[in-house]
Amino acid sequence: MARKPTPVPFMARVLSVVRRIPPGRVATYGDVAALAGRPRAARAVGNIMRGCRRPDVPCHRVIAAGGRLGGYGGREMLKRSLLAAEGVIVSGQRVRELERVRWDP
């Protein structure tokens, strides 16, 4: 009898999605949640991003709804700098021209 494949944990799916966001583009916590298979889990994505310190995961490219930067684990200035270095315009607490830079795989 064939074994059922083991489901991939949500956190692993989230990290996989975030790794695919290209430089100069952003996705919201809700976008990432939906792409990871749990469209109502935006808050869980935020918690995963807050605790993620992996250099292979560009967490700075994940933002809050409406273009707000989000907390980035208390390192908002770093997040702003990383996004600016990739050409994403940030003004105040928001990413400008969100529809232009929002990633749509």
PDB file of N, CA and C in Angstrom:
ATOM      1  N   MET A   1       0.840  -1.175   0.000  1.00  0.00           N
ATOM      2  CA  MET A   1       0.000   0.000   0.000  1.00  0.00           C
ATOM      3  C   MET A   1       0.889   1.243   0.000  1.00  0.00           C
ATOM      4  N   ALA A   2       0.562   2.208  -0.831  1.00  0.00           N
ATOM      5  CA  ALA A   2       1.353   3.439  -0.948  1.00  0.00           C
ATOM      6  C   ALA A   2       1.154   4.328   0.276  1.00  0.00           C
ATOM      7  N   ARG A   3       2.236   4.911   0.711  1.00  0.00           N
ATOM      8  CA  ARG A   3       2.161   5.834   1.850  1.00  0.00           C
ATOM      9  C   ARG A   3       1.738   7.213   1.376  1.00  0.00           C
ATOM     10  N   LYS A   4       0.972   7.888   2.215  1.00  0.00           N
ATOM     11  CA  LYS A   4       0.599   9.271   1.921  1.00  0.00           C
ATOM     12  C   LYS A   4       1.822  10.159   2.065  1.00  0.00           C
ATOM     13  N   PRO A   5       1.990  11.131   1.171  1.00  0.00           N
ATOM     14  CA  PRO A   5       3.119  12.040   1.335  1.00  0.00           C
ATOM     15  C   PRO A   5       2.928  12.879   2.606  1.00  0.00           C
ATOM     16  N   THR A   6       4.017  13.130   3.292  1.00  0.00           N
ATOM     17  CA  THR A   6       3.960  13.946   4.498  1.00  0.00           C
ATOM     18  C   THR A   6       3.704  15.393   4.106  1.00  0.00           C
ATOM     19  N   PRO A   7       2.721  16.049   4.723  1.00  0.00           N
ATOM     20  CA  PRO A   7       2.457  17.437   4.365  1.00  0.00           C
ATOM     21  C   PRO A   7       3.616  18.339   4.793  1.00  0.00           C
ATOM     22  N   VAL A   8       3.889  19.338   3.971  1.00  0.00           N
ATOM     23  CA  VAL A   8       4.950  20.292   4.274  1.00  0.00           C
ATOM     24  C   VAL A   8       4.407  21.274   5.305  1.00  0.00           C
ATOM     25  N   PRO A   9       5.115  21.480   6.408  1.00  0.00           N
ATOM     26  CA  PRO A   9       4.635  22.417   7.431  1.00  0.00           C
ATOM     27  C   PRO A   9       4.460  23.830   6.870  1.00  0.00           C
ATOM     28  N   PHE A  10       3.503  24.542   7.449  1.00  0.00           N
ATOM     29  CA  PHE A  10       3.187  25.891   6.990  1.00  0.00           C
ATOM     30  C   PHE A  10       4.418  26.785   6.997  1.00  0.00           C
ATOM     31  N   MET A  11       5.219  26.727   8.033  1.00  0.00           N
ATOM     32  CA  MET A  11       6.402  27.588   8.108  1.00  0.00           C
ATOM     33  C   MET A  11       7.344  27.345   6.927  1.00  0.00           C
ATOM     34  N   ALA A  12       7.547  26.109   6.567  1.00  0.00           N
ATOM     35  CA  ALA A  12       8.418  25.781   5.435  1.00  0.00           C
ATOM     36  C   ALA A  12       7.836  26.326   4.135  1.00  0.00           C
ATOM     37  N   ARG A  13       6.517  26.244   3.990  1.00  0.00           N
ATOM     38  CA  ARG A  13       5.875  26.784   2.782  1.00  0.00           C
ATOM     39  C   ARG A  13       6.030  28.300   2.728  1.00  0.00           C
ATOM     40  N   VAL A  14       5.870  28.963   3.872  1.00  0.00           N
ATOM     41  CA  VAL A  14       6.029  30.423   3.934  1.00  0.00           C
ATOM     42  C   VAL A  14       7.447  30.812   3.523  1.00  0.00           C
ATOM     43  N   LEU A  15       8.442  30.171   4.100  1.00  0.00           N
ATOM     44  CA  LEU A  15       9.832  30.504   3.780  1.00  0.00           C
ATOM     45  C   LEU A  15      10.127  30.259   2.305  1.00  0.00           C
ATOM     46  N   SER A  16       9.552  29.216   1.741  1.00  0.00           N
ATOM     47  CA  SER A  16       9.730  28.930   0.319  1.00  0.00           C
ATOM     48  C   SER A  16       9.142  30.042  -0.546  1.00  0.00           C
ATOM     49  N   VAL A  17       7.957  30.513  -0.187  1.00  0.00           N
ATOM     50  CA  VAL A  17       7.317  31.605  -0.931  1.00  0.00           C
ATOM     51  C   VAL A  17       8.171  32.866  -0.844  1.00  0.00           C
ATOM     52  N   VAL A  18       8.608  33.219   0.349  1.00  0.00           N
ATOM     53  CA  VAL A  18       9.366  34.459   0.539  1.00  0.00           C
ATOM     54  C   VAL A  18      10.684  34.411  -0.224  1.00  0.00           C
ATOM     55  N   ARG A  19      11.315  33.258  -0.291  1.00  0.00           N
ATOM     56  CA  ARG A  19      12.570  33.136  -1.058  1.00  0.00           C
ATOM     57  C   ARG A  19      12.360  33.460  -2.532  1.00  0.00           C
ATOM     58  N   ARG A  20      11.159  33.267  -3.037  1.00  0.00           N
ATOM     59  CA  ARG A  20      10.882  33.496  -4.464  1.00  0.00           C
ATOM     60  C   ARG A  20      10.584  34.961  -4.793  1.00  0.00           C
ATOM     61  N   ILE A  21      10.384  35.825  -3.792  1.00  0.00           N
ATOM     62  CA  ILE A  21      10.100  37.237  -4.069  1.00  0.00           C
ATOM     63  C   ILE A  21      11.372  37.868  -4.633  1.00  0.00           C
ATOM     64  N   PRO A  22      11.317  38.396  -5.852  1.00  0.00           N
ATOM     65  CA  PRO A  22      12.543  38.929  -6.461  1.00  0.00           C
ATOM     66  C   PRO A  22      12.943  40.288  -5.878  1.00  0.00           C
ATOM     67  N   PRO A  23      14.215  40.643  -6.012  1.00  0.00           N
ATOM     68  CA  PRO A  23      14.658  41.963  -5.565  1.00  0.00           C
ATOM     69  C   PRO A  23      13.844  43.066  -6.227  1.00  0.00           C
ATOM     70  N   GLY A  24      13.548  44.106  -5.469  1.00  0.00           N
ATOM     71  CA  GLY A  24      12.773  45.231  -6.000  1.00  0.00           C
ATOM     72  C   GLY A  24      11.280  45.008  -5.989  1.00  0.00           C
ATOM     73  N   ARG A  25      10.833  43.886  -5.456  1.00  0.00           N
ATOM     74  CA  ARG A  25       9.414  43.579  -5.376  1.00  0.00           C
ATOM     75  C   ARG A  25       9.054  43.294  -3.924  1.00  0.00           C
ATOM     76  N   VAL A  26       7.770  43.422  -3.599  1.00  0.00           N
ATOM     77  CA  VAL A  26       7.284  43.147  -2.241  1.00  0.00           C
ATOM     78  C   VAL A  26       6.014  42.311  -2.317  1.00  0.00           C
ATOM     79  N   ALA A  27       5.683  41.671  -1.208  1.00  0.00           N
ATOM     80  CA  ALA A  27       4.419  40.950  -1.064  1.00  0.00           C
ATOM     81  C   ALA A  27       3.907  41.240   0.340  1.00  0.00           C
ATOM     82  N   THR A  28       2.595  41.252   0.493  1.00  0.00           N
ATOM     83  CA  THR A  28       2.037  41.478   1.826  1.00  0.00           C
ATOM     84  C   THR A  28       2.027  40.168   2.603  1.00  0.00           C
ATOM     85  N   TYR A  29       1.861  40.296   3.925  1.00  0.00           N
ATOM     86  CA  TYR A  29       1.744  39.094   4.751  1.00  0.00           C
ATOM     87  C   TYR A  29       0.587  38.229   4.239  1.00  0.00           C
ATOM     88  N   GLY A  30      -0.506  38.868   3.847  1.00  0.00           N
ATOM     89  CA  GLY A  30      -1.656  38.144   3.315  1.00  0.00           C
ATOM     90  C   GLY A  30      -1.362  37.455   2.000  1.00  0.00           C
ATOM     91  N   ASP A  31      -0.602  38.129   1.125  1.00  0.00           N
ATOM     92  CA  ASP A  31      -0.197  37.509  -0.146  1.00  0.00           C
ATOM     93  C   ASP A  31       0.582  36.227   0.121  1.00  0.00           C
ATOM     94  N   VAL A  32       1.542  36.322   1.032  1.00  0.00           N
ATOM     95  CA  VAL A  32       2.391  35.163   1.346  1.00  0.00           C
ATOM     96  C   VAL A  32       1.553  34.043   1.952  1.00  0.00           C
ATOM     97  N   ALA A  33       0.650  34.401   2.859  1.00  0.00           N
ATOM     98  CA  ALA A  33      -0.218  33.391   3.473  1.00  0.00           C
ATOM     99  C   ALA A  33      -1.026  32.652   2.415  1.00  0.00           C
ATOM    100  N   ALA A  34      -1.608  33.402   1.483  1.00  0.00           N
ATOM    101  CA  ALA A  34      -2.416  32.784   0.427  1.00  0.00           C
ATOM    102  C   ALA A  34      -1.565  31.867  -0.447  1.00  0.00           C
ATOM    103  N   LEU A  35      -0.378  32.334  -0.825  1.00  0.00           N
ATOM    104  CA  LEU A  35       0.497  31.527  -1.670  1.00  0.00           C
ATOM    105  C   LEU A  35       1.009  30.280  -0.937  1.00  0.00           C
ATOM    106  N   ALA A  36       1.060  30.349   0.390  1.00  0.00           N
ATOM    107  CA  ALA A  36       1.496  29.201   1.190  1.00  0.00           C
ATOM    108  C   ALA A  36       0.333  28.268   1.524  1.00  0.00           C
ATOM    109  N   GLY A  37      -0.862  28.596   1.030  1.00  0.00           N
ATOM    110  CA  GLY A  37      -2.001  27.694   1.191  1.00  0.00           C
ATOM    111  C   GLY A  37      -2.927  27.985   2.349  1.00  0.00           C
ATOM    112  N   ARG A  38      -2.714  29.091   3.068  1.00  0.00           N
ATOM    113  CA  ARG A  38      -3.596  29.449   4.189  1.00  0.00           C
ATOM    114  C   ARG A  38      -3.932  30.938   4.104  1.00  0.00           C
ATOM    115  N   PRO A  39      -4.871  31.302   3.247  1.00  0.00           N
ATOM    116  CA  PRO A  39      -5.156  32.716   2.969  1.00  0.00           C
ATOM    117  C   PRO A  39      -5.564  33.555   4.171  1.00  0.00           C
ATOM    118  N   ARG A  40      -5.997  32.939   5.243  1.00  0.00           N
ATOM    119  CA  ARG A  40      -6.406  33.722   6.425  1.00  0.00           C
ATOM    120  C   ARG A  40      -5.330  33.775   7.501  1.00  0.00           C
ATOM    121  N   ALA A  41      -4.109  33.417   7.149  1.00  0.00           N
ATOM    122  CA  ALA A  41      -3.034  33.293   8.142  1.00  0.00           C
ATOM    123  C   ALA A  41      -1.979  34.404   8.034  1.00  0.00           C
ATOM    124  N   ALA A  42      -2.399  35.603   7.679  1.00  0.00           N
ATOM    125  CA  ALA A  42      -1.448  36.710   7.544  1.00  0.00           C
ATOM    126  C   ALA A  42      -0.708  36.982   8.845  1.00  0.00           C
ATOM    127  N   ARG A  43      -1.411  36.926   9.955  1.00  0.00           N
ATOM    128  CA  ARG A  43      -0.768  37.173  11.256  1.00  0.00           C
ATOM    129  C   ARG A  43       0.299  36.114  11.545  1.00  0.00           C
ATOM    130  N   ALA A  44       0.017  34.876  11.190  1.00  0.00           N
ATOM    131  CA  ALA A  44       1.001  33.804  11.389  1.00  0.00           C
ATOM    132  C   ALA A  44       2.240  34.057  10.534  1.00  0.00           C
ATOM    133  N   VAL A  45       2.040  34.549   9.318  1.00  0.00           N
ATOM    134  CA  VAL A  45       3.188  34.894   8.463  1.00  0.00           C
ATOM    135  C   VAL A  45       4.012  35.987   9.136  1.00  0.00           C
ATOM    136  N   GLY A  46       3.354  36.993   9.693  1.00  0.00           N
ATOM    137  CA  GLY A  46       4.059  38.059  10.400  1.00  0.00           C
ATOM    138  C   GLY A  46       4.894  37.513  11.545  1.00  0.00           C
ATOM    139  N   ASN A  47       4.352  36.570  12.279  1.00  0.00           N
ATOM    140  CA  ASN A  47       5.101  35.955  13.387  1.00  0.00           C
ATOM    141  C   ASN A  47       6.305  35.168  12.883  1.00  0.00           C
ATOM    142  N   ILE A  48       6.133  34.483  11.776  1.00  0.00           N
ATOM    143  CA  ILE A  48       7.245  33.734  11.188  1.00  0.00           C
ATOM    144  C   ILE A  48       8.335  34.703  10.720  1.00  0.00           C
ATOM    145  N   MET A  49       7.934  35.787  10.073  1.00  0.00           N
ATOM    146  CA  MET A  49       8.896  36.772   9.590  1.00  0.00           C
ATOM    147  C   MET A  49       9.628  37.435  10.753  1.00  0.00           C
ATOM    148  N   ARG A  50       8.930  37.732  11.831  1.00  0.00           N
ATOM    149  CA  ARG A  50       9.540  38.394  12.984  1.00  0.00           C
ATOM    150  C   ARG A  50      10.663  37.548  13.571  1.00  0.00           C
ATOM    151  N   GLY A  51      10.476  36.237  13.597  1.00  0.00           N
ATOM    152  CA  GLY A  51      11.474  35.365  14.196  1.00  0.00           C
ATOM    153  C   GLY A  51      12.517  34.839  13.229  1.00  0.00           C
ATOM    154  N   CYS A  52      12.376  35.146  11.975  1.00  0.00           N
ATOM    155  CA  CYS A  52      13.283  34.600  10.962  1.00  0.00           C
ATOM    156  C   CYS A  52      14.554  35.449  10.871  1.00  0.00           C
ATOM    157  N   ARG A  53      15.665  34.810  11.056  1.00  0.00           N
ATOM    158  CA  ARG A  53      16.957  35.504  10.938  1.00  0.00           C
ATOM    159  C   ARG A  53      17.829  34.806   9.890  1.00  0.00           C
ATOM    160  N   ARG A  54      17.192  34.098   8.979  1.00  0.00           N
ATOM    161  CA  ARG A  54      17.930  33.335   7.979  1.00  0.00           C
ATOM    162  C   ARG A  54      18.383  34.248   6.846  1.00  0.00           C
ATOM    163  N   PRO A  55      19.665  34.235   6.501  1.00  0.00           N
ATOM    164  CA  PRO A  55      20.156  35.111   5.442  1.00  0.00           C
ATOM    165  C   PRO A  55      19.636  34.745   4.052  1.00  0.00           C
ATOM    166  N   ASP A  56      19.135  33.519   3.885  1.00  0.00           N
ATOM    167  CA  ASP A  56      18.623  33.089   2.577  1.00  0.00           C
ATOM    168  C   ASP A  56      17.147  33.421   2.381  1.00  0.00           C
ATOM    169  N   VAL A  57      16.533  34.107   3.350  1.00  0.00           N
ATOM    170  CA  VAL A  57      15.111  34.456   3.268  1.00  0.00           C
ATOM    171  C   VAL A  57      14.993  35.983   3.324  1.00  0.00           C
ATOM    172  N   PRO A  58      14.584  36.627   2.222  1.00  0.00           N
ATOM    173  CA  PRO A  58      14.505  38.087   2.183  1.00  0.00           C
ATOM    174  C   PRO A  58      13.239  38.623   2.869  1.00  0.00           C
ATOM    175  N   CYS A  59      13.209  38.487   4.192  1.00  0.00           N
ATOM    176  CA  CYS A  59      12.029  38.885   4.968  1.00  0.00           C
ATOM    177  C   CYS A  59      11.671  40.352   4.789  1.00  0.00           C
ATOM    178  N   HIS A  60      12.652  41.187   4.452  1.00  0.00           N
ATOM    179  CA  HIS A  60      12.381  42.611   4.290  1.00  0.00           C
ATOM    180  C   HIS A  60      11.425  42.890   3.132  1.00  0.00           C
ATOM    181  N   ARG A  61      11.221  41.937   2.256  1.00  0.00           N
ATOM    182  CA  ARG A  61      10.322  42.117   1.110  1.00  0.00           C
ATOM    183  C   ARG A  61       8.870  41.817   1.451  1.00  0.00           C
ATOM    184  N   VAL A  62       8.594  41.432   2.680  1.00  0.00           N
ATOM    185  CA  VAL A  62       7.227  41.139   3.110  1.00  0.00           C
ATOM    186  C   VAL A  62       6.742  42.323   3.940  1.00  0.00           C
ATOM    187  N   ILE A  63       5.620  42.901   3.514  1.00  0.00           N
ATOM    188  CA  ILE A  63       5.105  44.114   4.151  1.00  0.00           C
ATOM    189  C   ILE A  63       3.666  43.907   4.601  1.00  0.00           C
ATOM    190  N   ALA A  64       3.171  44.870   5.359  1.00  0.00           N
ATOM    191  CA  ALA A  64       1.798  44.803   5.862  1.00  0.00           C
ATOM    192  C   ALA A  64       0.819  45.277   4.778  1.00  0.00           C
ATOM    193  N   ALA A  65      -0.448  45.098   5.058  1.00  0.00           N
ATOM    194  CA  ALA A  65      -1.507  45.473   4.114  1.00  0.00           C
ATOM    195  C   ALA A  65      -1.427  46.962   3.780  1.00  0.00           C
ATOM    196  N   GLY A  66      -1.801  47.291   2.570  1.00  0.00           N
ATOM    197  CA  GLY A  66      -1.846  48.683   2.144  1.00  0.00           C
ATOM    198  C   GLY A  66      -0.489  49.324   1.955  1.00  0.00           C
ATOM    199  N   GLY A  67       0.570  48.537   1.982  1.00  0.00           N
ATOM    200  CA  GLY A  67       1.901  49.075   1.748  1.00  0.00           C
ATOM    201  C   GLY A  67       2.654  49.496   2.994  1.00  0.00           C
ATOM    202  N   ARG A  68       2.046  49.313   4.178  1.00  0.00           N
ATOM    203  CA  ARG A  68       2.766  49.659   5.417  1.00  0.00           C
ATOM    204  C   ARG A  68       3.970  48.741   5.584  1.00  0.00           C
ATOM    205  N   LEU A  69       5.030  49.281   6.154  1.00  0.00           N
ATOM    206  CA  LEU A  69       6.267  48.507   6.280  1.00  0.00           C
ATOM    207  C   LEU A  69       6.144  47.326   7.229  1.00  0.00           C
ATOM    208  N   GLY A  70       5.413  47.467   8.299  1.00  0.00           N
ATOM    209  CA  GLY A  70       5.391  46.414   9.308  1.00  0.00           C
ATOM    210  C   GLY A  70       6.586  46.584  10.219  1.00  0.00           C
ATOM    211  N   GLY A  71       6.675  45.793  11.244  1.00  0.00           N
ATOM    212  CA  GLY A  71       7.678  46.011  12.280  1.00  0.00           C
ATOM    213  C   GLY A  71       9.066  45.520  11.978  1.00  0.00           C
ATOM    214  N   TYR A  72       9.229  44.433  11.274  1.00  0.00           N
ATOM    215  CA  TYR A  72      10.529  43.850  10.941  1.00  0.00           C
ATOM    216  C   TYR A  72      11.342  43.581  12.195  1.00  0.00           C
ATOM    217  N   GLY A  73      10.669  43.058  13.194  1.00  0.00           N
ATOM    218  CA  GLY A  73      11.347  42.692  14.435  1.00  0.00           C
ATOM    219  C   GLY A  73      12.017  43.861  15.123  1.00  0.00           C
ATOM    220  N   GLY A  74      11.441  45.063  15.018  1.00  0.00           N
ATOM    221  CA  GLY A  74      12.006  46.238  15.655  1.00  0.00           C
ATOM    222  C   GLY A  74      13.124  46.894  14.866  1.00  0.00           C
ATOM    223  N   ARG A  75      13.335  46.434  13.642  1.00  0.00           N
ATOM    224  CA  ARG A  75      14.423  46.980  12.818  1.00  0.00           C
ATOM    225  C   ARG A  75      13.875  47.637  11.557  1.00  0.00           C
ATOM    226  N   GLU A  76      12.915  48.533  11.756  1.00  0.00           N
ATOM    227  CA  GLU A  76      12.246  49.152  10.612  1.00  0.00           C
ATOM    228  C   GLU A  76      13.202  49.958   9.731  1.00  0.00           C
ATOM    229  N   MET A  77      14.153  50.655  10.330  1.00  0.00           N
ATOM    230  CA  MET A  77      15.108  51.443   9.527  1.00  0.00           C
ATOM    231  C   MET A  77      15.945  50.524   8.633  1.00  0.00           C
ATOM    232  N   LEU A  78      16.306  49.359   9.132  1.00  0.00           N
ATOM    233  CA  LEU A  78      17.040  48.401   8.313  1.00  0.00           C
ATOM    234  C   LEU A  78      16.165  47.929   7.154  1.00  0.00           C
ATOM    235  N   LYS A  79      14.910  47.618   7.439  1.00  0.00           N
ATOM    236  CA  LYS A  79      13.982  47.180   6.390  1.00  0.00           C
ATOM    237  C   LYS A  79      13.851  48.260   5.324  1.00  0.00           C
ATOM    238  N   ARG A  80      13.683  49.507   5.759  1.00  0.00           N
ATOM    239  CA  ARG A  80      13.564  50.640   4.836  1.00  0.00           C
ATOM    240  C   ARG A  80      14.816  50.738   3.955  1.00  0.00           C
ATOM    241  N   SER A  81      15.998  50.595   4.569  1.00  0.00           N
ATOM    242  CA  SER A  81      17.262  50.697   3.831  1.00  0.00           C
ATOM    243  C   SER A  81      17.424  49.562   2.819  1.00  0.00           C
ATOM    244  N   LEU A  82      17.079  48.346   3.224  1.00  0.00           N
ATOM    245  CA  LEU A  82      17.190  47.201   2.314  1.00  0.00           C
ATOM    246  C   LEU A  82      16.260  47.357   1.119  1.00  0.00           C
ATOM    247  N   LEU A  83      15.030  47.811   1.363  1.00  0.00           N
ATOM    248  CA  LEU A  83      14.084  48.013   0.263  1.00  0.00           C
ATOM    249  C   LEU A  83      14.562  49.138  -0.660  1.00  0.00           C
ATOM    250  N   ALA A  84      15.046  50.237  -0.082  1.00  0.00           N
ATOM    251  CA  ALA A  84      15.537  51.362  -0.886  1.00  0.00           C
ATOM    252  C   ALA A  84      16.709  50.930  -1.763  1.00  0.00           C
ATOM    253  N   ALA A  85      17.593  50.096  -1.217  1.00  0.00           N
ATOM    254  CA  ALA A  85      18.740  49.606  -1.990  1.00  0.00           C
ATOM    255  C   ALA A  85      18.303  48.775  -3.192  1.00  0.00           C
ATOM    256  N   GLU A  86      17.094  48.209  -3.121  1.00  0.00           N
ATOM    257  CA  GLU A  86      16.553  47.421  -4.234  1.00  0.00           C
ATOM    258  C   GLU A  86      15.681  48.260  -5.161  1.00  0.00           C
ATOM    259  N   GLY A  87      15.566  49.566  -4.871  1.00  0.00           N
ATOM    260  CA  GLY A  87      14.790  50.453  -5.738  1.00  0.00           C
ATOM    261  C   GLY A  87      13.336  50.617  -5.354  1.00  0.00           C
ATOM    262  N   VAL A  88      12.932  50.105  -4.200  1.00  0.00           N
ATOM    263  CA  VAL A  88      11.560  50.259  -3.726  1.00  0.00           C
ATOM    264  C   VAL A  88      11.476  51.599  -2.991  1.00  0.00           C
ATOM    265  N   ILE A  89      10.537  52.436  -3.397  1.00  0.00           N
ATOM    266  CA  ILE A  89      10.386  53.757  -2.799  1.00  0.00           C
ATOM    267  C   ILE A  89       9.545  53.653  -1.535  1.00  0.00           C
ATOM    268  N   VAL A  90      10.113  54.112  -0.426  1.00  0.00           N
ATOM    269  CA  VAL A  90       9.416  54.123   0.857  1.00  0.00           C
ATOM    270  C   VAL A  90       9.305  55.569   1.302  1.00  0.00           C
ATOM    271  N   SER A  91       8.098  55.985   1.632  1.00  0.00           N
ATOM    272  CA  SER A  91       7.854  57.340   2.105  1.00  0.00           C
ATOM    273  C   SER A  91       7.045  57.241   3.394  1.00  0.00           C
ATOM    274  N   GLY A  92       7.579  57.801   4.461  1.00  0.00           N
ATOM    275  CA  GLY A  92       6.918  57.656   5.748  1.00  0.00           C
ATOM    276  C   GLY A  92       6.943  56.195   6.161  1.00  0.00           C
ATOM    277  N   GLN A  93       5.782  55.655   6.440  1.00  0.00           N
ATOM    278  CA  GLN A  93       5.664  54.255   6.865  1.00  0.00           C
ATOM    279  C   GLN A  93       5.194  53.334   5.749  1.00  0.00           C
ATOM    280  N   ARG A  94       5.144  53.827   4.504  1.00  0.00           N
ATOM    281  CA  ARG A  94       4.541  53.048   3.423  1.00  0.00           C
ATOM    282  C   ARG A  94       5.434  52.913   2.196  1.00  0.00           C
ATOM    283  N   VAL A  95       5.249  51.793   1.512  1.00  0.00           N
ATOM    284  CA  VAL A  95       5.857  51.587   0.204  1.00  0.00           C
ATOM    285  C   VAL A  95       5.005  52.359  -0.796  1.00  0.00           C
ATOM    286  N   ARG A  96       5.638  53.201  -1.578  1.00  0.00           N
ATOM    287  CA  ARG A  96       4.927  53.959  -2.605  1.00  0.00           C
ATOM    288  C   ARG A  96       4.831  53.123  -3.876  1.00  0.00           C
ATOM    289  N   GLU A  97       3.827  53.432  -4.681  1.00  0.00           N
ATOM    290  CA  GLU A  97       3.594  52.718  -5.941  1.00  0.00           C
ATOM    291  C   GLU A  97       3.490  51.211  -5.701  1.00  0.00           C
ATOM    292  N   LEU A  98       2.705  50.856  -4.683  1.00  0.00           N
ATOM    293  CA  LEU A  98       2.580  49.451  -4.292  1.00  0.00           C
ATOM    294  C   LEU A  98       2.160  48.562  -5.451  1.00  0.00           C
ATOM    295  N   GLU A  99       1.226  49.005  -6.248  1.00  0.00           N
ATOM    296  CA  GLU A  99       0.758  48.144  -7.348  1.00  0.00           C
ATOM    297  C   GLU A  99       1.861  47.873  -8.359  1.00  0.00           C
ATOM    298  N   ARG A 100       2.821  48.781  -8.484  1.00  0.00           N
ATOM    299  CA  ARG A 100       3.923  48.591  -9.418  1.00  0.00           C
ATOM    300  C   ARG A 100       4.942  47.583  -8.881  1.00  0.00           C
ATOM    301  N   VAL A 101       5.192  47.595  -7.572  1.00  0.00           N
ATOM    302  CA  VAL A 101       6.239  46.751  -7.001  1.00  0.00           C
ATOM    303  C   VAL A 101       5.711  45.495  -6.316  1.00  0.00           C
ATOM    304  N   ARG A 102       4.392  45.351  -6.251  1.00  0.00           N
ATOM    305  CA  ARG A 102       3.815  44.164  -5.609  1.00  0.00           C
ATOM    306  C   ARG A 102       4.045  42.948  -6.473  1.00  0.00           C
ATOM    307  N   TRP A 103       4.589  41.906  -5.867  1.00  0.00           N
ATOM    308  CA  TRP A 103       4.913  40.676  -6.577  1.00  0.00           C
ATOM    309  C   TRP A 103       3.655  39.863  -6.831  1.00  0.00           C
ATOM    310  N   ASP A 104       3.495  39.442  -8.072  1.00  0.00           N
ATOM    311  CA  ASP A 104       2.363  38.609  -8.455  1.00  0.00           C
ATOM    312  C   ASP A 104       2.910  37.443  -9.271  1.00  0.00           C
ATOM    313  N   PRO A 105       3.196  36.326  -8.603  1.00  0.00           N
ATOM    314  CA  PRO A 105       3.892  35.221  -9.284  1.00  0.00           C
ATOM    315  C   PRO A 105       3.141  34.633 -10.451  1.00  0.00           C
TER     316      PRO A 105
END
